[in-house]
């Protein structure tokens, strides 16, 4: 979005190129343009806000116990989809 804004493209053109609705793009531009930026879209701001919303990083379940992790890796090596691997792990 930042690159399209730098080219002075309108909200509707930007939205069309991104495959989003114009109100969504307009809202994103408004939220992520601070007054001290003189209306320039700040690409760091939305990323920073996303990290704040997500809070602390999730603990990876498979790292706690190496046995299921090895089993998952073996299943993925057989080119099974994540859904197939999950179904395989659920069956006793």
N, C-alpha and C. Protein backbone atom coordinates (compact mmCIF):
# COMPACT_ATOMS: atom_id res chain seq x y z
N UNK A 1 0.83 -1.18 0.00
CA UNK A 1 0.00 0.00 0.00
C UNK A 1 0.88 1.25 0.00
N UNK A 2 1.99 1.18 0.71
CA UNK A 2 2.87 2.35 0.79
C UNK A 2 3.40 2.74 -0.58
N UNK A 3 3.80 1.76 -1.37
CA UNK A 3 4.35 2.04 -2.69
C UNK A 3 3.30 2.69 -3.59
N UNK A 4 2.07 2.22 -3.51
CA UNK A 4 1.00 2.79 -4.32
C UNK A 4 0.67 4.21 -3.86
N UNK A 5 0.73 4.45 -2.55
CA UNK A 5 0.48 5.80 -2.05
C UNK A 5 1.59 6.76 -2.47
N UNK A 6 2.83 6.27 -2.49
CA UNK A 6 3.95 7.12 -2.91
C UNK A 6 3.80 7.55 -4.36
N UNK A 7 3.12 6.74 -5.14
CA UNK A 7 2.90 7.08 -6.56
C UNK A 7 1.68 7.97 -6.74
N UNK A 8 1.11 8.43 -5.64
CA UNK A 8 -0.06 9.31 -5.64
C UNK A 8 -1.27 8.69 -6.33
N UNK A 9 -1.42 7.39 -6.21
CA UNK A 9 -2.61 6.74 -6.75
C UNK A 9 -3.76 6.94 -5.77
N UNK A 10 -4.95 7.08 -6.27
CA UNK A 10 -6.11 7.28 -5.42
C UNK A 10 -6.48 6.02 -4.65
N UNK A 11 -7.38 6.18 -3.70
CA UNK A 11 -7.81 5.06 -2.87
C UNK A 11 -8.47 3.98 -3.71
N UNK A 12 -9.30 4.36 -4.66
CA UNK A 12 -10.00 3.36 -5.48
C UNK A 12 -9.03 2.55 -6.35
N UNK A 13 -8.05 3.22 -6.93
CA UNK A 13 -7.05 2.52 -7.75
C UNK A 13 -6.20 1.61 -6.87
N UNK A 14 -5.79 2.13 -5.72
CA UNK A 14 -5.00 1.33 -4.79
C UNK A 14 -5.80 0.10 -4.35
N UNK A 15 -7.07 0.30 -4.00
CA UNK A 15 -7.92 -0.81 -3.57
C UNK A 15 -8.07 -1.86 -4.67
N UNK A 16 -8.26 -1.40 -5.89
CA UNK A 16 -8.41 -2.34 -7.01
C UNK A 16 -7.14 -3.16 -7.21
N UNK A 17 -5.98 -2.53 -7.11
CA UNK A 17 -4.72 -3.24 -7.30
C UNK A 17 -4.43 -4.22 -6.17
N UNK A 18 -4.92 -3.90 -4.96
CA UNK A 18 -4.70 -4.78 -3.82
C UNK A 18 -5.79 -5.83 -3.66
N UNK A 19 -6.87 -5.68 -4.44
CA UNK A 19 -7.98 -6.62 -4.32
C UNK A 19 -8.79 -6.41 -3.05
N UNK A 20 -8.85 -5.17 -2.58
CA UNK A 20 -9.58 -4.82 -1.37
C UNK A 20 -10.64 -3.79 -1.71
N UNK A 21 -11.56 -3.58 -0.78
CA UNK A 21 -12.58 -2.56 -1.02
C UNK A 21 -11.99 -1.19 -0.69
N UNK A 22 -12.48 -0.15 -1.38
CA UNK A 22 -11.98 1.20 -1.10
C UNK A 22 -12.12 1.62 0.37
N UNK A 23 -13.25 1.31 1.04
CA UNK A 23 -13.33 1.70 2.46
C UNK A 23 -12.25 1.03 3.33
N UNK A 24 -11.89 -0.20 3.01
CA UNK A 24 -10.86 -0.89 3.78
C UNK A 24 -9.52 -0.20 3.62
N UNK A 25 -9.18 0.16 2.39
CA UNK A 25 -7.92 0.85 2.12
C UNK A 25 -7.93 2.22 2.78
N UNK A 26 -9.02 2.94 2.65
CA UNK A 26 -9.12 4.27 3.24
C UNK A 26 -8.95 4.21 4.75
N UNK A 27 -9.61 3.24 5.37
CA UNK A 27 -9.52 3.08 6.82
C UNK A 27 -8.08 2.75 7.24
N UNK A 28 -7.42 1.86 6.49
CA UNK A 28 -6.04 1.51 6.79
C UNK A 28 -5.10 2.69 6.66
N UNK A 29 -5.31 3.48 5.64
CA UNK A 29 -4.47 4.68 5.45
C UNK A 29 -4.69 5.69 6.58
N UNK A 30 -5.94 5.86 6.98
CA UNK A 30 -6.24 6.79 8.06
C UNK A 30 -5.62 6.32 9.37
N UNK A 31 -5.74 5.04 9.67
CA UNK A 31 -5.23 4.50 10.92
C UNK A 31 -3.71 4.56 11.00
N UNK A 32 -3.06 4.43 9.86
CA UNK A 32 -1.60 4.29 9.86
C UNK A 32 -0.87 5.52 9.32
N UNK A 33 -1.54 6.64 9.30
CA UNK A 33 -0.91 7.91 8.95
C UNK A 33 -1.00 8.82 10.16
N UNK A 34 0.11 9.09 10.78
CA UNK A 34 0.11 9.93 11.97
C UNK A 34 0.23 11.40 11.58
N UNK A 35 -0.32 12.29 12.40
CA UNK A 35 -0.26 13.72 12.09
C UNK A 35 1.15 14.23 11.87
N UNK A 36 2.11 13.76 12.66
CA UNK A 36 3.47 14.27 12.51
C UNK A 36 4.16 13.73 11.25
N UNK A 37 3.53 12.75 10.58
CA UNK A 37 4.08 12.22 9.33
C UNK A 37 3.64 13.02 8.11
N UNK A 38 2.89 14.10 8.34
CA UNK A 38 2.38 14.96 7.26
C UNK A 38 1.58 14.18 6.22
N UNK A 39 0.75 13.25 6.69
CA UNK A 39 -0.11 12.50 5.80
C UNK A 39 0.58 11.38 5.03
N UNK A 40 1.84 11.11 5.33
CA UNK A 40 2.58 10.04 4.65
C UNK A 40 2.29 8.73 5.36
N UNK A 41 1.95 7.71 4.60
CA UNK A 41 1.67 6.39 5.16
C UNK A 41 2.93 5.82 5.77
N UNK A 42 2.85 5.39 7.01
CA UNK A 42 3.99 4.86 7.74
C UNK A 42 3.92 3.34 7.75
N UNK A 43 4.81 2.68 7.04
CA UNK A 43 4.75 1.22 6.94
C UNK A 43 5.15 0.53 8.24
N UNK A 44 5.93 1.18 9.07
CA UNK A 44 6.33 0.56 10.34
C UNK A 44 5.20 0.55 11.36
N UNK A 45 4.32 1.52 11.28
CA UNK A 45 3.25 1.64 12.26
C UNK A 45 2.29 0.45 12.25
N UNK A 46 1.74 0.03 11.11
CA UNK A 46 0.83 -1.11 11.16
C UNK A 46 1.53 -2.39 11.63
N UNK A 47 2.79 -2.56 11.25
CA UNK A 47 3.52 -3.75 11.69
C UNK A 47 3.70 -3.73 13.21
N UNK A 48 4.06 -2.58 13.75
CA UNK A 48 4.24 -2.43 15.19
C UNK A 48 2.92 -2.68 15.93
N UNK A 49 1.83 -2.14 15.41
CA UNK A 49 0.52 -2.33 16.04
C UNK A 49 0.10 -3.80 15.99
N UNK A 50 0.41 -4.49 14.92
CA UNK A 50 0.12 -5.93 14.82
C UNK A 50 0.85 -6.70 15.89
N UNK A 51 2.13 -6.40 16.08
CA UNK A 51 2.91 -7.08 17.11
C UNK A 51 2.35 -6.80 18.50
N UNK A 52 1.89 -5.59 18.74
CA UNK A 52 1.29 -5.25 20.04
C UNK A 52 -0.01 -6.02 20.26
N UNK A 53 -0.83 -6.14 19.22
CA UNK A 53 -2.10 -6.86 19.34
C UNK A 53 -1.87 -8.33 19.61
N UNK A 54 -0.85 -8.90 18.99
CA UNK A 54 -0.61 -10.34 19.14
C UNK A 54 -0.02 -10.69 20.50
N UNK A 55 0.51 -9.73 21.20
CA UNK A 55 1.07 -10.00 22.51
C UNK A 55 2.33 -10.83 22.43
N UNK A 56 2.57 -11.60 23.47
CA UNK A 56 3.80 -12.39 23.50
C UNK A 56 3.70 -13.54 22.50
N UNK A 57 4.83 -14.03 22.03
CA UNK A 57 4.79 -15.12 21.05
C UNK A 57 4.23 -16.40 21.66
N UNK A 58 3.53 -17.16 20.84
CA UNK A 58 2.98 -18.43 21.29
C UNK A 58 4.08 -19.45 21.48
N UNK A 59 3.88 -20.32 22.45
CA UNK A 59 4.80 -21.42 22.65
C UNK A 59 4.52 -22.47 21.59
N UNK A 60 5.54 -22.97 20.96
CA UNK A 60 5.37 -23.99 19.93
C UNK A 60 5.18 -25.33 20.62
N UNK A 61 4.05 -25.97 20.35
CA UNK A 61 3.71 -27.22 21.02
C UNK A 61 4.72 -28.33 20.75
N UNK A 62 5.18 -28.43 19.53
CA UNK A 62 6.05 -29.55 19.18
C UNK A 62 7.45 -29.42 19.74
N UNK A 63 7.84 -28.21 20.15
CA UNK A 63 9.19 -28.05 20.68
C UNK A 63 9.30 -28.58 22.10
N UNK A 64 8.18 -28.72 22.80
CA UNK A 64 8.20 -29.20 24.17
C UNK A 64 8.52 -30.69 24.25
N UNK A 65 8.04 -31.45 23.27
CA UNK A 65 8.25 -32.90 23.27
C UNK A 65 8.79 -33.30 21.90
N UNK A 66 10.04 -33.78 21.82
CA UNK A 66 10.63 -34.06 20.51
C UNK A 66 10.00 -35.24 19.76
N UNK A 67 9.35 -36.16 20.47
CA UNK A 67 8.79 -37.34 19.80
C UNK A 67 7.70 -36.99 18.79
N UNK A 68 6.67 -36.23 19.19
CA UNK A 68 5.66 -35.86 18.18
C UNK A 68 6.26 -35.00 17.06
N UNK A 69 7.23 -34.17 17.40
CA UNK A 69 7.87 -33.33 16.38
C UNK A 69 8.53 -34.18 15.31
N UNK A 70 9.21 -35.24 15.71
CA UNK A 70 9.85 -36.14 14.76
C UNK A 70 8.80 -36.85 13.91
N UNK A 71 7.68 -37.21 14.54
CA UNK A 71 6.61 -37.87 13.80
C UNK A 71 6.00 -36.93 12.75
N UNK A 72 5.82 -35.68 13.13
CA UNK A 72 5.28 -34.68 12.19
C UNK A 72 6.25 -34.51 11.03
N UNK A 73 7.54 -34.39 11.33
CA UNK A 73 8.54 -34.23 10.27
C UNK A 73 8.54 -35.42 9.32
N UNK A 74 8.39 -36.62 9.87
CA UNK A 74 8.35 -37.82 9.02
C UNK A 74 7.13 -37.79 8.10
N UNK A 75 6.00 -37.37 8.63
CA UNK A 75 4.78 -37.29 7.82
C UNK A 75 4.91 -36.22 6.73
N UNK A 76 5.49 -35.10 7.08
CA UNK A 76 5.69 -34.04 6.09
C UNK A 76 6.68 -34.46 5.02
N UNK A 77 7.66 -35.27 5.39
CA UNK A 77 8.64 -35.77 4.42
C UNK A 77 7.96 -36.68 3.39
N UNK A 78 6.85 -37.30 3.80
CA UNK A 78 6.07 -38.13 2.86
C UNK A 78 5.13 -37.28 2.01
N UNK A 79 5.29 -35.95 2.10
CA UNK A 79 4.51 -34.97 1.34
C UNK A 79 3.02 -35.02 1.66
N UNK A 80 2.72 -35.27 2.91
CA UNK A 80 1.33 -35.23 3.36
C UNK A 80 0.99 -33.79 3.73
N UNK A 81 -0.26 -33.45 3.58
CA UNK A 81 -0.71 -32.10 3.91
C UNK A 81 -0.79 -31.95 5.43
N UNK A 82 -0.79 -30.72 5.93
CA UNK A 82 -0.95 -30.53 7.37
C UNK A 82 -2.24 -31.16 7.91
N UNK A 83 -3.30 -31.13 7.11
CA UNK A 83 -4.56 -31.74 7.53
C UNK A 83 -4.40 -33.26 7.67
N UNK A 84 -3.69 -33.87 6.72
CA UNK A 84 -3.45 -35.31 6.79
C UNK A 84 -2.58 -35.66 7.99
N UNK A 85 -1.57 -34.86 8.25
CA UNK A 85 -0.70 -35.12 9.40
C UNK A 85 -1.50 -35.02 10.69
N UNK A 86 -2.33 -33.98 10.81
CA UNK A 86 -3.13 -33.81 12.03
C UNK A 86 -4.08 -34.98 12.22
N UNK A 87 -4.71 -35.45 11.15
CA UNK A 87 -5.62 -36.59 11.25
C UNK A 87 -4.84 -37.84 11.67
N UNK A 88 -3.64 -38.01 11.15
CA UNK A 88 -2.80 -39.16 11.50
C UNK A 88 -2.42 -39.12 12.97
N UNK A 89 -2.11 -37.95 13.48
CA UNK A 89 -1.70 -37.82 14.88
C UNK A 89 -2.86 -38.05 15.83
N UNK A 90 -4.10 -37.77 15.40
CA UNK A 90 -5.26 -37.96 16.26
C UNK A 90 -5.66 -39.42 16.39
N UNK A 91 -5.34 -40.24 15.40
CA UNK A 91 -5.74 -41.65 15.44
C UNK A 91 -4.83 -42.43 16.37
N UNK A 92 -5.42 -43.24 17.25
CA UNK A 92 -4.59 -44.00 18.20
C UNK A 92 -3.91 -45.18 17.57
